[in-house]
Structure formats: C-alpha cells, structure tokens
Amino acid sequence: KRFKGHRPNIPPLKTDWVGRQMALTVFEDYLLVNDRNDLRAYDLSSGTLRWSHLAGNERGASRDWPLLPMRPLASGELVYVRMLGRQGPQLECIGLSDGVQKWVFSTRDHAVSDPLLVEGDVILLNLRRHEELGSELLFTRLAGTTGEVLDERSLVNFRDDSRSRMFRQIQLARSVDRLIASGYGSVICMDL
C-alpha cells in the first residue's frame, strides 16, 4: 500500500526488481555493474571493488523509471553510462581507472537510450521537455572526451506529454551509415 501510485500494476512479489534494473558490462579486467544510481567497478580476477560512483552524488528518482536497465559502455579509459539523477536519466562519462566523473550531458534532457560509440563520438537519443509545447525526441552526437554537442536533430515531437512517456527506453543499433532505434512498437531509422 505504501507504494500505491508509484509502481506500475506489477505484482510486487513476482518480479525480480533488482535483476531487471541492473546492467553488467565486462571490459578488459573490469566488471562494471550499474544499478542506475550507483556504478561499481570490480576487479574480475579477485572480485574486489575498485571504485563506486553515485549518480550526481545523490540517489535518483528510481520509482519514476521502473524496470529500465542502463548498460555501461567502456572504451579506452572512459565509461559512458546512463544514470538516474533527481531529474531523471542523464548520461555521464566516468574515468575507468578511478571512477571520477569527467562530464555530464545536459540535465534538462532525459537520456532514453544507452550510449553507442561511432568513430569515437557518443550517440544517444534524449527526450527534451518544453514548457507548453510538449516533448521532443532528439538524436544527439557528443564528443567522447568532452561531452560537447557535435550534432543534434529532432526526430519526433509530442504535443501530448503523456505520449512521450512511452519513449523512456529505446534500443539503438547501427548499420554502416545508419542508426536504427526501437522502442514501444516504433522503429526509427536515421542517417548518421
């Protein structure tokens, strides 16, 4: 009863909440574990914790974003990961060796896809809310080392903000020169 209105209509004792919200990535001798609020790096050979990073140094709004795993992406000395801040999912860049935050992508947008690397740049889809105009789904390309926006394109506009809630989790795939996004029964194809 205390969670009434905060969770979808899913029987609480029949759902592995932790398992459905946790994402793992193995990179070199690291095991990266993201529970959406806390990213942890473990040594694969010993199992010891190397470091832990809390999203924005605070717990996020996990009840508003249930059952959405957020998979870390490691490349070189950096880890790109969606994490839940107080305002919703944001993309963070973390140092692989020390767990120190390098940059955060705009907290006014919600990162609705896990990141994808294309030629050293980070690609993601994000949802931007506009005061009286509804919401907009955007393709965003960021510089991998700085988080600087290199390209941003509007894909879909939602006049009714409740429609945009359907696009909280989008999967990305890449062909040679195109990006394919899939979420909630919709498929979008765009040139890179």
C-alpha atoms as a PDB file:
ATOM      1  CA  LYS A   1       0.000   0.000   0.000  1.00  0.00           C
ATOM      2  CA  ARG A   2       2.801   2.472   0.705  1.00  0.00           C
ATOM      3  CA  PHE A   3       3.934   2.320  -2.961  1.00  0.00           C
ATOM      4  CA  LYS A   4       0.458   2.862  -4.385  1.00  0.00           C
ATOM      5  CA  GLY A   5       0.693   5.235  -7.328  1.00  0.00           C
ATOM      6  CA  HIS A   6       4.464   4.824  -7.651  1.00  0.00           C
ATOM      7  CA  ARG A   7       4.761   1.448  -9.372  1.00  0.00           C
ATOM      8  CA  PRO A   8       3.105   0.018 -12.445  1.00  0.00           C
ATOM      9  CA  ASN A   9       0.494  -2.682 -11.984  1.00  0.00           C
ATOM     10  CA  ILE A  10       3.025  -5.496 -11.473  1.00  0.00           C
ATOM     11  CA  PRO A  11       2.695  -7.992  -8.614  1.00  0.00           C
ATOM     12  CA  PRO A  12       5.489  -6.956  -6.195  1.00  0.00           C
ATOM     13  CA  LEU A  13       6.487 -10.460  -5.088  1.00  0.00           C
ATOM     14  CA  LYS A  14       6.552 -11.920  -8.602  1.00  0.00           C
ATOM     15  CA  THR A  15       9.039  -9.510 -10.129  1.00  0.00           C
ATOM     16  CA  ASP A  16      12.814  -9.534  -9.737  1.00  0.00           C
ATOM     17  CA  TRP A  17      13.068  -5.743  -9.441  1.00  0.00           C
ATOM     18  CA  VAL A  18      16.826  -5.684  -8.849  1.00  0.00           C
ATOM     19  CA  GLY A  19      17.608  -8.113 -11.671  1.00  0.00           C
ATOM     20  CA  ARG A  20      15.526  -6.203 -14.202  1.00  0.00           C
ATOM     21  CA  GLN A  21      17.090  -2.865 -13.323  1.00  0.00           C
ATOM     22  CA  MET A  22      20.742  -3.950 -13.122  1.00  0.00           C
ATOM     23  CA  ALA A  23      23.110  -3.954 -16.101  1.00  0.00           C
ATOM     24  CA  LEU A  24      26.564  -5.531 -16.418  1.00  0.00           C
ATOM     25  CA  THR A  25      29.466  -4.885 -18.772  1.00  0.00           C
ATOM     26  CA  VAL A  26      32.806  -6.710 -18.890  1.00  0.00           C
ATOM     27  CA  PHE A  27      35.706  -4.673 -20.256  1.00  0.00           C
ATOM     28  CA  GLU A  28      39.318  -5.842 -20.055  1.00  0.00           C
ATOM     29  CA  ASP A  29      39.779  -6.884 -16.389  1.00  0.00           C
ATOM     30  CA  TYR A  30      36.821  -4.824 -15.117  1.00  0.00           C
ATOM     31  CA  LEU A  31      33.262  -5.871 -14.291  1.00  0.00           C
ATOM     32  CA  LEU A  32      31.049  -2.770 -14.414  1.00  0.00           C
ATOM     33  CA  VAL A  33      27.752  -3.056 -12.523  1.00  0.00           C
ATOM     34  CA  ASN A  34      25.132  -0.317 -12.824  1.00  0.00           C
ATOM     35  CA  ASP A  35      22.004  -0.341 -10.685  1.00  0.00           C
ATOM     36  CA  ARG A  36      21.013   3.008 -12.275  1.00  0.00           C
ATOM     37  CA  ASN A  37      22.004   5.034  -9.195  1.00  0.00           C
ATOM     38  CA  ASP A  38      25.414   3.570  -8.429  1.00  0.00           C
ATOM     39  CA  LEU A  39      28.056   2.413 -10.906  1.00  0.00           C
ATOM     40  CA  ARG A  40      30.597  -0.001  -9.417  1.00  0.00           C
ATOM     41  CA  ALA A  41      33.803  -1.370 -10.923  1.00  0.00           C
ATOM     42  CA  TYR A  42      35.117  -4.738  -9.735  1.00  0.00           C
ATOM     43  CA  ASP A  43      38.409  -6.475 -10.464  1.00  0.00           C
ATOM     44  CA  LEU A  44      37.490  -9.587 -12.479  1.00  0.00           C
ATOM     45  CA  SER A  45      40.277 -11.777 -11.126  1.00  0.00           C
ATOM     46  CA  SER A  46      39.879 -11.018  -7.403  1.00  0.00           C
ATOM     47  CA  GLY A  47      36.289  -9.764  -7.195  1.00  0.00           C
ATOM     48  CA  THR A  48      37.347  -6.752  -5.129  1.00  0.00           C
ATOM     49  CA  LEU A  49      35.644  -3.407  -5.516  1.00  0.00           C
ATOM     50  CA  ARG A  50      37.897  -0.926  -7.335  1.00  0.00           C
ATOM     51  CA  TRP A  51      35.596   2.088  -7.112  1.00  0.00           C
ATOM     52  CA  SER A  52      31.978   3.196  -6.837  1.00  0.00           C
ATOM     53  CA  HIS A  53      30.313   6.263  -8.372  1.00  0.00           C
ATOM     54  CA  LEU A  54      26.943   7.637  -7.231  1.00  0.00           C
ATOM     55  CA  ALA A  55      24.953   9.448  -9.940  1.00  0.00           C
ATOM     56  CA  GLY A  56      25.329  13.169  -9.330  1.00  0.00           C
ATOM     57  CA  ASN A  57      26.359  12.301  -5.745  1.00  0.00           C
ATOM     58  CA  GLU A  58      22.716  11.603  -4.902  1.00  0.00           C
ATOM     59  CA  ARG A  59      20.110   8.876  -5.309  1.00  0.00           C
ATOM     60  CA  GLY A  60      17.866   9.353  -8.327  1.00  0.00           C
ATOM     61  CA  ALA A  61      14.151   9.006  -8.993  1.00  0.00           C
ATOM     62  CA  SER A  62      14.168   5.232  -9.476  1.00  0.00           C
ATOM     63  CA  ARG A  63      10.442   4.794  -8.776  1.00  0.00           C
ATOM     64  CA  ASP A  64       9.627   7.091 -11.674  1.00  0.00           C
ATOM     65  CA  TRP A  65      11.703   4.927 -14.061  1.00  0.00           C
ATOM     66  CA  PRO A  66      10.982   1.283 -13.078  1.00  0.00           C
ATOM     67  CA  LEU A  67      12.387  -1.837 -14.781  1.00  0.00           C
ATOM     68  CA  LEU A  68      14.796   0.047 -17.066  1.00  0.00           C
ATOM     69  CA  PRO A  69      18.359  -1.291 -17.066  1.00  0.00           C
ATOM     70  CA  MET A  70      21.079   1.168 -18.082  1.00  0.00           C
ATOM     71  CA  ARG A  71      24.093  -0.632 -19.588  1.00  0.00           C
ATOM     72  CA  PRO A  72      27.541   0.985 -19.245  1.00  0.00           C
ATOM     73  CA  LEU A  73      29.731   1.313 -22.341  1.00  0.00           C
ATOM     74  CA  ALA A  74      33.513   1.257 -21.842  1.00  0.00           C
ATOM     75  CA  SER A  75      36.099   2.375 -24.376  1.00  0.00           C
ATOM     76  CA  GLY A  76      39.755   3.130 -23.724  1.00  0.00           C
ATOM     77  CA  GLU A  77      39.982   4.887 -20.363  1.00  0.00           C
ATOM     78  CA  LEU A  78      36.357   6.072 -20.252  1.00  0.00           C
ATOM     79  CA  VAL A  79      32.977   4.638 -19.280  1.00  0.00           C
ATOM     80  CA  TYR A  80      29.767   6.153 -20.675  1.00  0.00           C
ATOM     81  CA  VAL A  81      26.670   5.331 -18.674  1.00  0.00           C
ATOM     82  CA  ARG A  82      23.106   6.454 -18.175  1.00  0.00           C
ATOM     83  CA  MET A  83      22.328   7.019 -14.522  1.00  0.00           C
ATOM     84  CA  LEU A  84      19.300   8.267 -12.634  1.00  0.00           C
ATOM     85  CA  GLY A  85      19.701  11.733 -11.188  1.00  0.00           C
ATOM     86  CA  ARG A  86      16.949  13.581  -9.317  1.00  0.00           C
ATOM     87  CA  GLN A  87      15.607  14.990 -12.607  1.00  0.00           C
ATOM     88  CA  GLY A  88      15.679  11.667 -14.494  1.00  0.00           C
ATOM     89  CA  PRO A  89      18.219   9.727 -16.576  1.00  0.00           C
ATOM     90  CA  GLN A  90      21.372  11.544 -17.582  1.00  0.00           C
ATOM     91  CA  LEU A  91      24.474  10.461 -19.464  1.00  0.00           C
ATOM     92  CA  GLU A  92      27.725  10.565 -17.509  1.00  0.00           C
ATOM     93  CA  CYS A  93      31.314   9.969 -18.556  1.00  0.00           C
ATOM     94  CA  ILE A  94      33.426   8.324 -15.851  1.00  0.00           C
ATOM     95  CA  GLY A  95      37.152   7.558 -15.748  1.00  0.00           C
ATOM     96  CA  LEU A  96      37.662   3.793 -15.961  1.00  0.00           C
ATOM     97  CA  SER A  97      40.705   3.631 -13.678  1.00  0.00           C
ATOM     98  CA  ASP A  98      39.473   5.908 -10.861  1.00  0.00           C
ATOM     99  CA  GLY A  99      35.668   6.321 -11.117  1.00  0.00           C
ATOM    100  CA  VAL A 100      35.930  10.107 -11.315  1.00  0.00           C
ATOM    101  CA  GLN A 101      33.241  11.928 -13.295  1.00  0.00           C
ATOM    102  CA  LYS A 102      34.639  13.631 -16.430  1.00  0.00           C
ATOM    103  CA  TRP A 103      31.429  15.209 -17.733  1.00  0.00           C
ATOM    104  CA  VAL A 104      27.614  15.006 -17.581  1.00  0.00           C
ATOM    105  CA  PHE A 105      25.333  15.559 -20.550  1.00  0.00           C
ATOM    106  CA  SER A 106      22.654  18.228 -20.037  1.00  0.00           C
ATOM    107  CA  THR A 107      20.438  17.541 -17.050  1.00  0.00           C
ATOM    108  CA  ARG A 108      17.461  19.252 -18.735  1.00  0.00           C
ATOM    109  CA  ASP A 109      17.145  16.283 -21.120  1.00  0.00           C
ATOM    110  CA  HIS A 110      16.356  12.666 -20.295  1.00  0.00           C
ATOM    111  CA  ALA A 111      18.734  10.157 -21.880  1.00  0.00           C
ATOM    112  CA  VAL A 112      16.314   7.499 -23.180  1.00  0.00           C
ATOM    113  CA  SER A 113      18.826   5.202 -24.883  1.00  0.00           C
ATOM    114  CA  ASP A 114      22.056   3.642 -23.758  1.00  0.00           C
ATOM    115  CA  PRO A 115      25.073   5.261 -25.435  1.00  0.00           C
ATOM    116  CA  LEU A 116      26.605   3.947 -28.639  1.00  0.00           C
ATOM    117  CA  LEU A 117      30.102   4.772 -29.939  1.00  0.00           C
ATOM    118  CA  VAL A 118      30.562   5.844 -33.547  1.00  0.00           C
ATOM    119  CA  GLU A 119      34.079   6.862 -34.599  1.00  0.00           C
ATOM    120  CA  GLY A 120      34.940   7.945 -31.042  1.00  0.00           C
ATOM    121  CA  ASP A 121      31.772  10.019 -30.633  1.00  0.00           C
ATOM    122  CA  VAL A 122      28.912   9.123 -28.293  1.00  0.00           C
ATOM    123  CA  ILE A 123      25.470   8.729 -29.823  1.00  0.00           C
ATOM    124  CA  LEU A 124      22.259   8.686 -27.816  1.00  0.00           C
ATOM    125  CA  LEU A 125      18.607   9.605 -28.035  1.00  0.00           C
ATOM    126  CA  ASN A 126      17.259  12.028 -25.492  1.00  0.00           C
ATOM    127  CA  LEU A 127      13.880  13.429 -24.595  1.00  0.00           C
ATOM    128  CA  ARG A 128      13.598  17.185 -24.116  1.00  0.00           C
ATOM    129  CA  ARG A 129      10.560  18.676 -22.435  1.00  0.00           C
ATOM    130  CA  HIS A 130       9.327  22.104 -23.498  1.00  0.00           C
ATOM    131  CA  GLU A 131       7.148  24.143 -21.140  1.00  0.00           C
ATOM    132  CA  GLU A 132       3.971  24.470 -23.214  1.00  0.00           C
ATOM    133  CA  LEU A 133       4.924  22.677 -26.405  1.00  0.00           C
ATOM    134  CA  GLY A 134       5.147  19.069 -25.160  1.00  0.00           C
ATOM    135  CA  SER A 135       8.272  16.975 -25.695  1.00  0.00           C
ATOM    136  CA  GLU A 136      10.779  16.255 -28.428  1.00  0.00           C
ATOM    137  CA  LEU A 137      12.816  13.108 -29.130  1.00  0.00           C
ATOM    138  CA  LEU A 138      16.326  14.081 -30.269  1.00  0.00           C
ATOM    139  CA  PHE A 139      19.276  12.335 -31.917  1.00  0.00           C
ATOM    140  CA  THR A 140      22.400  13.647 -30.195  1.00  0.00           C
ATOM    141  CA  ARG A 141      26.073  13.161 -31.069  1.00  0.00           C
ATOM    142  CA  LEU A 142      28.628  14.132 -28.406  1.00  0.00           C
ATOM    143  CA  ALA A 143      32.425  14.369 -28.425  1.00  0.00           C
ATOM    144  CA  GLY A 144      33.557  11.313 -26.472  1.00  0.00           C
ATOM    145  CA  THR A 145      36.219  13.092 -24.430  1.00  0.00           C
ATOM    146  CA  THR A 146      34.444  16.380 -23.619  1.00  0.00           C
ATOM    147  CA  GLY A 147      30.684  15.772 -23.922  1.00  0.00           C
ATOM    148  CA  GLU A 148      30.406  18.726 -26.303  1.00  0.00           C
ATOM    149  CA  VAL A 149      27.334  18.520 -28.561  1.00  0.00           C
ATOM    150  CA  LEU A 150      28.520  17.945 -32.139  1.00  0.00           C
ATOM    151  CA  ASP A 151      25.134  17.270 -33.759  1.00  0.00           C
ATOM    152  CA  GLU A 152      21.546  17.357 -32.613  1.00  0.00           C
ATOM    153  CA  ARG A 153      18.478  16.542 -34.714  1.00  0.00           C
ATOM    154  CA  SER A 154      14.806  16.466 -33.862  1.00  0.00           C
ATOM    155  CA  LEU A 155      13.207  13.096 -34.655  1.00  0.00           C
ATOM    156  CA  VAL A 156       9.708  13.191 -33.154  1.00  0.00           C
ATOM    157  CA  ASN A 157       7.618  15.905 -31.491  1.00  0.00           C
ATOM    158  CA  PHE A 158       4.934  15.071 -28.919  1.00  0.00           C
ATOM    159  CA  ARG A 159       2.258  17.650 -28.256  1.00  0.00           C
ATOM    160  CA  ASP A 160       0.755  15.491 -25.538  1.00  0.00           C
ATOM    161  CA  ASP A 161       3.423  14.935 -22.881  1.00  0.00           C
ATOM    162  CA  SER A 162       1.834  11.643 -21.800  1.00  0.00           C
ATOM    163  CA  ARG A 163       2.727  10.161 -25.235  1.00  0.00           C
ATOM    164  CA  SER A 164       6.409  10.914 -24.681  1.00  0.00           C
ATOM    165  CA  ARG A 165       6.387   8.674 -21.579  1.00  0.00           C
ATOM    166  CA  MET A 166       6.202   5.696 -23.932  1.00  0.00           C
ATOM    167  CA  PHE A 167       9.717   6.523 -25.124  1.00  0.00           C
ATOM    168  CA  ARG A 168      11.556   6.081 -21.824  1.00  0.00           C
ATOM    169  CA  GLN A 169      13.633   3.154 -23.065  1.00  0.00           C
ATOM    170  CA  ILE A 170      14.882   2.936 -26.636  1.00  0.00           C
ATOM    171  CA  GLN A 171      17.326   0.395 -28.049  1.00  0.00           C
ATOM    172  CA  LEU A 172      19.876   1.530 -30.612  1.00  0.00           C
ATOM    173  CA  ALA A 173      21.586  -0.485 -33.335  1.00  0.00           C
ATOM    174  CA  ARG A 174      23.958   0.635 -36.047  1.00  0.00           C
ATOM    175  CA  SER A 175      24.406  -0.354 -39.658  1.00  0.00           C
ATOM    176  CA  VAL A 176      27.264   1.042 -41.742  1.00  0.00           C
ATOM    177  CA  ASP A 177      25.809   4.529 -42.201  1.00  0.00           C
ATOM    178  CA  ARG A 178      22.506   4.430 -40.344  1.00  0.00           C
ATOM    179  CA  LEU A 179      21.194   4.261 -36.826  1.00  0.00           C
ATOM    180  CA  ILE A 180      18.084   2.237 -36.026  1.00  0.00           C
ATOM    181  CA  ALA A 181      16.088   2.993 -32.886  1.00  0.00           C
ATOM    182  CA  SER A 182      13.337   0.802 -31.495  1.00  0.00           C
ATOM    183  CA  GLY A 183      11.028   1.478 -28.596  1.00  0.00           C
ATOM    184  CA  TYR A 184       7.459   0.655 -27.649  1.00  0.00           C
ATOM    185  CA  GLY A 185       6.384  -0.645 -31.036  1.00  0.00           C
ATOM    186  CA  SER A 186       8.048   2.105 -33.057  1.00  0.00           C
ATOM    187  CA  VAL A 187      11.125   1.842 -35.287  1.00  0.00           C
ATOM    188  CA  ILE A 188      13.020   4.908 -36.444  1.00  0.00           C
ATOM    189  CA  CYS A 189      15.851   4.838 -38.987  1.00  0.00           C
ATOM    190  CA  MET A 190      18.162   7.826 -39.448  1.00  0.00           C
ATOM    191  CA  ASP A 191      21.367   8.642 -41.298  1.00  0.00           C
ATOM    192  CA  LEU A 192      24.478   9.064 -39.163  1.00  0.00           C
END
